[in-house]
Amino acid sequence: MRTLETTNISGFVSEFILLGFPCRRDIQILLFVFFSFIYLLTLLGNTSIICAVWSSRKLHTPMYILLANFSFLEICYVSSDVPKMLANIISQTKSISYTGCLLQFYFFFSMCAAEGLFLSVMSFDRFLAICRPLHYPTIMTHRLCAQLVIFCWAGGFLWLLTPLTLISQVPFCGPNTIDHFLCDLAPLLALSCAPVSGITLACGIISSLIIFLTFLYILGTYFCVLSVVLQVPSGSGRHKAFSTCASHLAVVSLFYGSVMVMYVSPGSGNYSGMQKFVTLFYALATPFFNPLIYNFRNKDMKDALKKILNVLL
């Protein structure tokens, strides 16, 4: 692997080496096949949700429009790191340029932030549908839905501009080997040839804010939903209300359960073993499970997918 040769004339690193999953060649081939299979299924599953919402007029409602955008986000999210990870598994050099590393960091974590915002907006939609059912059509209009979608996309990318700017000011003189499969914050800053405690703290605060603010908002909305549902007299009414929220809660648990482990304190982690697995879980497994959760638990979605399959077959 190239380490010393990857510095430019001024002495700064021009590319990094992503170690990924160092193991025997036959194991790497198995990992490549397995991750490729999961990646393709993830693309297929999330694309199926987008096609179902687009093809069925019954699903042209704010809840499903938000879900379709969320699925598109998942496709972009998983595509920001997995293709490069797969290429590095079978590559001998396992390199990524300095610019490519910063761009991967920015796009991956911007979409991670956007995912938190989308989950918050989706919980707001469920709150209105259950706690304010009579006012729901007048509040959650298609115009407001479009504004919320724009807010989620723009908010995620704007939130990560400050960390990106801070990291771009960090000098990297060598070594250039990142013990990870993507350009993550802590292992990247660990390669700095200057003290970066202030930058680490600032990035930690920014990442913690987006995680906790969205998570606490989701908890607050579902606390209100729960208090309303428990007042419903009939058991069937409570079951229907809970079933409309079950899929969203499952996705929230998957996403925040893994993200909070890794990025509440991004400068304090040891990025080997279990923590690589946790990063891989929310970077690949969570987008894989999302369409399974929504498709199998939602009758309207299953009906729309059946119609698409009937047309194709």
Protein backbone atom coordinates (compact mmCIF):
# COMPACT_ATOMS: atom_id res chain seq x y z
CA MET A 1 0.00 0.00 0.00
CA ARG A 2 1.14 3.51 -0.77
CA THR A 3 1.68 5.77 2.18
CA LEU A 4 4.72 7.98 1.75
CA GLU A 5 4.20 8.38 -2.00
CA THR A 6 0.79 9.98 -1.58
CA THR A 7 2.04 13.36 -0.37
CA ASN A 8 2.16 16.24 -2.79
CA ILE A 9 4.98 18.72 -3.30
CA SER A 10 4.02 20.84 -0.29
CA GLY A 11 4.15 17.79 1.97
CA PHE A 12 0.42 17.34 2.44
CA VAL A 13 -1.48 14.12 1.82
CA SER A 14 -3.14 13.95 -1.60
CA GLU A 15 -4.94 10.65 -1.03
CA PHE A 16 -5.89 8.26 1.78
CA ILE A 17 -5.88 4.51 2.14
CA LEU A 18 -9.13 2.99 3.43
CA LEU A 19 -8.21 -0.28 5.16
CA GLY A 20 -11.80 -1.51 5.15
CA PHE A 21 -11.90 -5.16 6.21
CA PRO A 22 -8.36 -6.57 6.15
CA CYS A 23 -8.63 -10.35 5.85
CA ARG A 24 -7.76 -13.26 3.57
CA ARG A 25 -8.49 -12.89 -0.14
CA ASP A 26 -11.17 -15.58 -0.17
CA ILE A 27 -12.97 -13.90 2.74
CA GLN A 28 -12.79 -10.57 0.92
CA ILE A 29 -14.45 -12.12 -2.14
CA LEU A 30 -17.23 -13.50 0.06
CA LEU A 31 -17.69 -10.07 1.65
CA PHE A 32 -17.81 -8.48 -1.79
CA VAL A 33 -20.53 -10.88 -2.96
CA PHE A 34 -22.54 -10.53 0.26
CA PHE A 35 -22.40 -6.72 0.41
CA SER A 36 -23.15 -6.45 -3.32
CA PHE A 37 -26.23 -8.63 -2.85
CA ILE A 38 -27.46 -6.52 0.09
CA TYR A 39 -26.77 -3.32 -1.84
CA LEU A 40 -28.76 -4.47 -4.89
CA LEU A 41 -31.67 -5.59 -2.70
CA THR A 42 -31.60 -2.22 -0.94
CA LEU A 43 -31.81 -0.39 -4.26
CA LEU A 44 -34.59 -2.69 -5.44
CA GLY A 45 -36.60 -2.40 -2.21
CA ASN A 46 -36.47 1.37 -1.97
CA THR A 47 -37.12 1.78 -5.69
CA SER A 48 -40.21 -0.41 -5.31
CA ILE A 49 -41.61 2.01 -2.72
CA ILE A 50 -41.02 4.98 -5.04
CA CYS A 51 -42.67 3.17 -7.96
CA ALA A 52 -45.63 2.09 -5.80
CA VAL A 53 -46.29 5.64 -4.60
CA TRP A 54 -45.85 7.07 -8.10
CA SER A 55 -48.14 4.53 -9.80
CA SER A 56 -51.03 4.49 -7.31
CA ARG A 57 -53.22 7.59 -7.00
CA LYS A 58 -54.44 6.22 -3.68
CA LEU A 59 -50.92 6.74 -2.31
CA HIS A 60 -50.67 10.38 -3.45
CA THR A 61 -51.01 11.57 0.14
CA PRO A 62 -48.51 13.43 2.33
CA MET A 63 -47.62 10.31 4.33
CA TYR A 64 -46.65 8.32 1.24
CA ILE A 65 -45.04 11.27 -0.52
CA LEU A 66 -42.77 11.65 2.51
CA LEU A 67 -42.11 7.90 2.45
CA ALA A 68 -41.18 8.00 -1.26
CA ASN A 69 -38.74 10.85 -0.63
CA PHE A 70 -37.35 8.97 2.34
CA SER A 71 -36.78 5.92 0.12
CA PHE A 72 -35.02 8.06 -2.48
CA LEU A 73 -32.85 9.46 0.31
CA GLU A 74 -31.98 5.91 1.36
CA ILE A 75 -30.87 5.11 -2.19
CA CYS A 76 -28.59 8.17 -2.23
CA TYR A 77 -27.44 7.47 1.32
CA VAL A 78 -26.34 3.89 0.71
CA SER A 79 -24.82 4.82 -2.66
CA SER A 80 -22.57 7.46 -1.09
CA ASP A 81 -20.31 4.87 0.57
CA VAL A 82 -21.12 1.28 -0.46
CA PRO A 83 -19.88 1.40 -4.10
CA LYS A 84 -16.51 2.72 -2.95
CA MET A 85 -16.43 0.14 -0.16
CA LEU A 86 -17.08 -2.65 -2.67
CA ALA A 87 -14.40 -1.32 -5.03
CA ASN A 88 -11.85 -1.19 -2.21
CA ILE A 89 -12.63 -4.74 -1.06
CA ILE A 90 -11.38 -6.17 -4.36
CA SER A 91 -8.78 -3.47 -4.98
CA GLN A 92 -5.11 -3.77 -4.07
CA THR A 93 -4.54 -0.03 -3.54
CA LYS A 94 -7.76 0.79 -1.56
CA SER A 95 -7.11 4.48 -2.13
CA ILE A 96 -9.37 7.52 -2.20
CA SER A 97 -8.30 11.03 -3.14
CA TYR A 98 -8.22 13.83 -0.57
CA THR A 99 -11.08 15.62 -2.33
CA GLY A 100 -13.01 12.37 -2.75
CA CYS A 101 -12.62 11.62 0.96
CA LEU A 102 -14.02 15.02 1.98
CA LEU A 103 -16.88 14.70 -0.50
CA GLN A 104 -17.74 11.22 0.75
CA PHE A 105 -17.76 12.50 4.33
CA TYR A 106 -19.96 15.45 3.37
CA PHE A 107 -22.54 13.57 1.30
CA PHE A 108 -22.77 10.55 3.59
CA PHE A 109 -23.29 12.53 6.78
CA SER A 110 -25.46 15.19 5.11
CA MET A 111 -27.86 12.45 4.09
CA CYS A 112 -27.56 10.96 7.56
CA ALA A 113 -28.68 14.35 8.96
CA ALA A 114 -31.44 14.58 6.33
CA GLU A 115 -32.65 11.14 7.38
CA GLY A 116 -33.08 12.36 10.95
CA LEU A 117 -35.03 15.36 9.67
CA PHE A 118 -37.25 13.16 7.48
CA LEU A 119 -37.99 10.85 10.41
CA SER A 120 -38.95 13.91 12.47
CA VAL A 121 -41.27 15.23 9.74
CA MET A 122 -42.84 11.79 9.32
CA SER A 123 -43.52 11.66 13.07
CA PHE A 124 -45.12 15.12 12.80
CA ASP A 125 -47.36 13.75 10.03
CA ARG A 126 -48.43 10.82 12.24
CA PHE A 127 -49.01 13.20 15.15
CA LEU A 128 -51.39 15.32 13.06
CA ALA A 129 -53.19 12.27 11.65
CA ILE A 130 -53.86 10.76 15.11
CA CYS A 131 -54.01 13.75 17.46
CA ARG A 132 -55.59 16.29 15.08
CA PRO A 133 -57.53 14.14 12.59
CA LEU A 134 -60.18 16.77 11.79
CA HIS A 135 -57.57 19.44 11.06
CA TYR A 136 -55.15 17.10 9.24
CA PRO A 137 -56.38 17.81 5.65
CA THR A 138 -56.21 21.58 6.16
CA ILE A 139 -52.81 21.55 7.91
CA MET A 140 -50.89 18.84 6.04
CA THR A 141 -51.55 20.13 2.54
CA HIS A 142 -49.50 19.15 -0.49
CA ARG A 143 -47.87 22.57 -0.37
CA LEU A 144 -46.76 22.11 3.24
CA CYS A 145 -45.61 18.59 2.41
CA ALA A 146 -43.44 19.93 -0.44
CA GLN A 147 -42.00 22.61 1.85
CA LEU A 148 -41.16 20.00 4.49
CA VAL A 149 -39.43 17.81 1.89
CA ILE A 150 -37.31 20.77 0.74
CA PHE A 151 -36.54 21.61 4.37
CA CYS A 152 -35.29 18.07 5.06
CA TRP A 153 -33.04 17.92 1.99
CA ALA A 154 -31.66 21.43 2.37
CA GLY A 155 -31.35 21.18 6.15
CA GLY A 156 -29.26 18.02 6.01
CA PHE A 157 -26.77 19.44 3.51
CA LEU A 158 -26.55 22.86 5.16
CA TRP A 159 -26.00 21.30 8.60
CA LEU A 160 -22.79 19.58 7.49
CA LEU A 161 -21.25 22.61 5.78
CA THR A 162 -19.57 23.77 9.01
CA PRO A 163 -17.90 20.40 9.79
CA LEU A 164 -16.79 20.15 6.15
CA THR A 165 -15.26 23.61 6.27
CA LEU A 166 -13.48 22.85 9.54
CA ILE A 167 -12.08 19.54 8.29
CA SER A 168 -10.87 21.14 5.05
CA GLN A 169 -8.63 23.40 7.17
CA VAL A 170 -6.94 20.46 8.91
CA PRO A 171 -3.39 19.70 7.66
CA PHE A 172 -2.62 16.06 6.78
CA CYS A 173 1.09 15.41 6.38
CA GLY A 174 1.12 11.60 6.72
CA PRO A 175 0.53 8.79 7.56
CA ASN A 176 -2.54 8.47 5.37
CA THR A 177 -4.08 5.11 6.35
CA ILE A 178 -7.67 5.27 7.68
CA ASP A 179 -8.70 2.18 9.64
CA HIS A 180 -12.24 2.25 8.28
CA PHE A 181 -14.23 1.53 5.13
CA LEU A 182 -15.31 5.17 4.72
CA CYS A 183 -13.98 8.63 5.50
CA ASP A 184 -15.32 8.95 9.01
CA LEU A 185 -14.66 11.89 11.28
CA ALA A 186 -12.62 10.45 14.16
CA PRO A 187 -10.17 8.24 12.18
CA LEU A 188 -9.72 11.07 9.68
CA LEU A 189 -8.90 13.68 12.32
CA ALA A 190 -6.59 11.18 14.02
CA LEU A 191 -4.26 11.52 11.00
CA SER A 192 -3.88 15.28 11.43
CA CYS A 193 -0.35 16.60 11.94
CA ALA A 194 -1.66 19.46 14.11
CA PRO A 195 -3.80 19.60 17.28
CA VAL A 196 -7.48 19.31 16.38
CA SER A 197 -9.18 19.15 19.78
CA GLY A 198 -11.20 22.30 19.03
CA ILE A 199 -12.38 20.99 15.68
CA THR A 200 -13.23 17.61 17.20
CA LEU A 201 -15.28 19.31 19.92
CA ALA A 202 -17.09 21.57 17.43
CA CYS A 203 -17.93 18.66 15.11
CA GLY A 204 -19.04 16.61 18.10
CA ILE A 205 -21.41 19.34 19.25
CA ILE A 206 -22.85 19.79 15.75
CA SER A 207 -23.43 16.06 15.24
CA SER A 208 -24.88 15.66 18.74
CA LEU A 209 -27.29 18.54 18.19
CA ILE A 210 -28.85 17.13 15.03
CA ILE A 211 -29.12 13.67 16.59
CA PHE A 212 -30.63 14.75 19.90
CA LEU A 213 -32.90 17.50 18.56
CA THR A 214 -34.54 15.22 16.01
CA PHE A 215 -34.68 12.27 18.40
CA LEU A 216 -36.22 14.32 21.23
CA TYR A 217 -38.75 15.80 18.82
CA ILE A 218 -39.76 12.29 17.70
CA LEU A 219 -40.07 11.18 21.33
CA GLY A 220 -42.22 14.22 22.09
CA THR A 221 -44.60 13.64 19.17
CA TYR A 222 -45.02 9.96 20.03
CA PHE A 223 -45.60 10.79 23.68
CA CYS A 224 -48.53 12.94 22.53
CA VAL A 225 -49.70 10.18 20.18
CA LEU A 226 -49.53 7.59 22.96
CA SER A 227 -51.50 9.78 25.37
CA VAL A 228 -54.24 10.21 22.75
CA VAL A 229 -54.29 6.53 21.70
CA LEU A 230 -54.66 5.34 25.31
CA GLN A 231 -57.84 7.41 25.56
CA VAL A 232 -59.43 5.61 22.60
CA PRO A 233 -62.23 3.45 24.08
CA SER A 234 -62.20 0.56 21.60
CA GLY A 235 -59.38 -1.94 21.32
CA SER A 236 -59.67 -2.00 17.53
CA GLY A 237 -59.24 1.77 17.40
CA ARG A 238 -56.08 1.59 19.51
CA HIS A 239 -54.72 -1.24 17.36
CA LYS A 240 -55.32 0.74 14.16
CA ALA A 241 -53.60 3.81 15.61
CA PHE A 242 -50.60 1.80 16.80
CA SER A 243 -50.31 -0.05 13.49
CA THR A 244 -50.01 3.23 11.57
CA CYS A 245 -47.00 4.18 13.73
CA ALA A 246 -45.35 0.77 14.13
CA SER A 247 -43.35 0.88 10.88
CA HIS A 248 -42.05 4.37 11.54
CA LEU A 249 -41.08 3.49 15.12
CA ALA A 250 -39.21 0.41 13.92
CA VAL A 251 -37.18 2.51 11.46
CA VAL A 252 -36.52 5.15 14.12
CA SER A 253 -35.23 2.46 16.50
CA LEU A 254 -32.92 1.00 13.86
CA PHE A 255 -31.50 4.36 12.83
CA TYR A 256 -31.07 6.13 16.14
CA GLY A 257 -30.03 3.01 18.03
CA SER A 258 -26.94 2.62 15.87
CA VAL A 259 -26.18 6.29 15.15
CA MET A 260 -26.17 7.31 18.80
CA VAL A 261 -23.63 4.61 19.62
CA MET A 262 -21.19 6.04 17.09
CA TYR A 263 -21.58 9.79 16.66
CA VAL A 264 -22.71 11.44 19.84
CA SER A 265 -19.01 11.74 20.74
CA PRO A 266 -17.20 11.32 17.42
CA GLY A 267 -13.74 11.98 18.80
CA SER A 268 -13.82 9.38 21.54
CA GLY A 269 -14.31 6.19 19.56
CA ASN A 270 -11.96 3.32 18.84
CA TYR A 271 -12.72 2.45 15.23
CA SER A 272 -12.03 -1.24 15.09
CA GLY A 273 -14.05 -4.39 15.52
CA MET A 274 -17.47 -3.71 16.94
CA GLN A 275 -17.58 -0.04 16.01
CA LYS A 276 -16.85 -0.81 12.37
CA PHE A 277 -19.74 -3.24 12.52
CA VAL A 278 -22.06 -0.62 14.04
CA THR A 279 -21.15 1.86 11.29
CA LEU A 280 -21.75 -0.82 8.68
CA PHE A 281 -25.11 -1.62 10.28
CA TYR A 282 -26.61 1.84 9.93
CA ALA A 283 -24.80 2.55 6.64
CA LEU A 284 -26.02 -0.60 4.89
CA ALA A 285 -28.39 -2.70 7.01
CA THR A 286 -30.76 0.10 8.03
CA PRO A 287 -31.54 1.19 4.43
CA PHE A 288 -31.94 -2.52 3.59
CA PHE A 289 -34.54 -3.16 6.31
CA ASN A 290 -36.55 0.04 5.78
CA PRO A 291 -38.44 -1.10 2.65
CA LEU A 292 -39.03 -4.52 4.20
CA ILE A 293 -40.58 -2.90 7.27
CA TYR A 294 -42.83 -0.55 5.29
CA ASN A 295 -43.81 -3.01 2.55
CA PHE A 296 -44.71 -5.93 4.78
CA ARG A 297 -46.62 -3.92 7.39
CA ASN A 298 -48.60 -1.62 5.08
CA LYS A 299 -51.63 -3.02 3.25
CA ASP A 300 -51.94 -0.11 0.80
CA MET A 301 -48.28 -0.45 -0.14
CA LYS A 302 -48.60 -4.19 -0.67
CA ASP A 303 -51.67 -3.69 -2.88
CA ALA A 304 -49.82 -1.11 -5.00
CA LEU A 305 -46.81 -3.41 -5.37
CA LYS A 306 -49.07 -6.30 -6.42
CA LYS A 307 -50.57 -4.14 -9.16
CA ILE A 308 -47.07 -3.27 -10.42
CA LEU A 309 -46.07 -6.94 -10.45
CA ASN A 310 -49.26 -7.87 -12.32
CA VAL A 311 -48.46 -5.29 -14.99
CA LEU A 312 -44.85 -6.47 -15.31
CA LEU A 313 -45.78 -10.16 -15.41
